[in-house]
Amino acid sequence: MRLRFLSVFLIVLAACSQEAERVHTVDELMADKALLADVIGECRRNSGELGKTPNCQNAAAADFRARLERM
C-alpha cells in the first residue's frame, strides 16, 4: 500500500513540475539580437530572481561582447 501511494505521489509530483527553461549560449545570443534584447529585458525587469540564472549571465556576457565589437 505504501509503495502504491509513493508511486502515485511521485507521478503527480513529476507531472506538476515546471519544464526547464532552455539555456541560450553567448554565441546564440550574439547571433540573434532580438533574442538578446528579450532576455536582457526579462533579466532587468526581475533582476532579483533571474540575475544569477545562466540565461541572464550569458545575455550579460553577449551584451558586453557586442559593445566591445562596436568600439
C-alpha atoms as a PDB file:
ATOM      1  CA  MET A   1       0.000   0.000   0.000  1.00  0.00           C
ATOM      2  CA  ARG A   2       2.821   2.406   0.865  1.00  0.00           C
ATOM      3  CA  LEU A   3       4.603   1.624  -2.368  1.00  0.00           C
ATOM      4  CA  ARG A   4       1.476   2.322  -4.391  1.00  0.00           C
ATOM      5  CA  PHE A   5       0.891   5.627  -2.560  1.00  0.00           C
ATOM      6  CA  LEU A   6       4.524   6.646  -3.049  1.00  0.00           C
ATOM      7  CA  SER A   7       4.378   5.765  -6.753  1.00  0.00           C
ATOM      8  CA  VAL A   8       1.229   7.841  -7.303  1.00  0.00           C
ATOM      9  CA  PHE A   9       2.728  10.725  -5.336  1.00  0.00           C
ATOM     10  CA  LEU A  10       5.903  10.718  -7.431  1.00  0.00           C
ATOM     11  CA  ILE A  11       3.958  10.590 -10.690  1.00  0.00           C
ATOM     12  CA  VAL A  12       1.790  13.535  -9.637  1.00  0.00           C
ATOM     13  CA  LEU A  13       4.839  15.459  -8.470  1.00  0.00           C
ATOM     14  CA  ALA A  14       6.637  14.869 -11.771  1.00  0.00           C
ATOM     15  CA  ALA A  15       3.581  15.968 -13.745  1.00  0.00           C
ATOM     16  CA  CYS A  16       3.341  19.220 -11.797  1.00  0.00           C
ATOM     17  CA  SER A  17       6.989  20.222 -12.107  1.00  0.00           C
ATOM     18  CA  GLN A  18       7.813  23.058 -14.461  1.00  0.00           C
ATOM     19  CA  GLU A  19       9.627  22.414 -17.690  1.00  0.00           C
ATOM     20  CA  ALA A  20      13.218  23.604 -17.545  1.00  0.00           C
ATOM     21  CA  GLU A  21      13.907  26.764 -19.477  1.00  0.00           C
ATOM     22  CA  ARG A  22      16.304  26.406 -22.388  1.00  0.00           C
ATOM     23  CA  VAL A  23      19.680  27.973 -21.734  1.00  0.00           C
ATOM     24  CA  HIS A  24      20.953  30.055 -24.639  1.00  0.00           C
ATOM     25  CA  THR A  25      24.682  30.241 -25.281  1.00  0.00           C
ATOM     26  CA  VAL A  26      26.556  33.504 -25.677  1.00  0.00           C
ATOM     27  CA  ASP A  27      27.086  32.772 -29.380  1.00  0.00           C
ATOM     28  CA  GLU A  28      23.355  32.173 -29.929  1.00  0.00           C
ATOM     29  CA  LEU A  29      22.542  35.447 -28.233  1.00  0.00           C
ATOM     30  CA  MET A  30      25.189  37.298 -30.250  1.00  0.00           C
ATOM     31  CA  ALA A  31      23.709  35.957 -33.478  1.00  0.00           C
ATOM     32  CA  ASP A  32      20.093  36.822 -32.591  1.00  0.00           C
ATOM     33  CA  LYS A  33      19.878  40.436 -31.431  1.00  0.00           C
ATOM     34  CA  ALA A  34      16.106  40.246 -30.857  1.00  0.00           C
ATOM     35  CA  LEU A  35      16.521  37.269 -28.551  1.00  0.00           C
ATOM     36  CA  LEU A  36      19.327  39.055 -26.734  1.00  0.00           C
ATOM     37  CA  ALA A  37      17.134  42.111 -26.211  1.00  0.00           C
ATOM     38  CA  ASP A  38      14.279  39.943 -24.901  1.00  0.00           C
ATOM     39  CA  VAL A  39      16.474  38.068 -22.438  1.00  0.00           C
ATOM     40  CA  ILE A  40      18.159  41.249 -21.199  1.00  0.00           C
ATOM     41  CA  GLY A  41      14.767  42.907 -20.778  1.00  0.00           C
ATOM     42  CA  GLU A  42      13.454  39.971 -18.737  1.00  0.00           C
ATOM     43  CA  CYS A  43      16.565  39.936 -16.582  1.00  0.00           C
ATOM     44  CA  ARG A  44      16.391  43.661 -15.895  1.00  0.00           C
ATOM     45  CA  ARG A  45      12.681  43.544 -15.020  1.00  0.00           C
ATOM     46  CA  ASN A  46      13.252  40.804 -12.456  1.00  0.00           C
ATOM     47  CA  SER A  47      16.922  41.006 -11.554  1.00  0.00           C
ATOM     48  CA  GLY A  48      16.413  39.700  -8.027  1.00  0.00           C
ATOM     49  CA  GLU A  49      15.095  36.328  -9.162  1.00  0.00           C
ATOM     50  CA  LEU A  50      16.714  35.974 -12.562  1.00  0.00           C
ATOM     51  CA  GLY A  51      20.019  37.784 -12.124  1.00  0.00           C
ATOM     52  CA  LYS A  52      22.040  34.665 -11.341  1.00  0.00           C
ATOM     53  CA  THR A  53      20.431  32.363 -13.917  1.00  0.00           C
ATOM     54  CA  PRO A  54      22.586  31.056 -16.782  1.00  0.00           C
ATOM     55  CA  ASN A  55      20.479  32.859 -19.400  1.00  0.00           C
ATOM     56  CA  CYS A  56      20.948  36.233 -17.709  1.00  0.00           C
ATOM     57  CA  GLN A  57      24.658  35.685 -17.223  1.00  0.00           C
ATOM     58  CA  ASN A  58      25.062  34.627 -20.857  1.00  0.00           C
ATOM     59  CA  ALA A  59      22.999  37.617 -22.009  1.00  0.00           C
ATOM     60  CA  ALA A  60      25.194  39.984 -19.992  1.00  0.00           C
ATOM     61  CA  ALA A  61      28.311  38.416 -21.499  1.00  0.00           C
ATOM     62  CA  ALA A  62      26.865  38.641 -25.027  1.00  0.00           C
ATOM     63  CA  ASP A  63      25.889  42.278 -24.461  1.00  0.00           C
ATOM     64  CA  PHE A  64      29.397  43.051 -23.210  1.00  0.00           C
ATOM     65  CA  ARG A  65      30.981  41.346 -26.230  1.00  0.00           C
ATOM     66  CA  ALA A  66      28.661  43.194 -28.609  1.00  0.00           C
ATOM     67  CA  ARG A  67      29.616  46.515 -27.015  1.00  0.00           C
ATOM     68  CA  LEU A  68      33.313  45.673 -27.366  1.00  0.00           C
ATOM     69  CA  GLU A  69      32.846  44.828 -31.046  1.00  0.00           C
ATOM     70  CA  ARG A  70      31.157  48.173 -31.678  1.00  0.00           C
ATOM     71  CA  MET A  71      34.132  50.085 -30.252  1.00  0.00           C
END
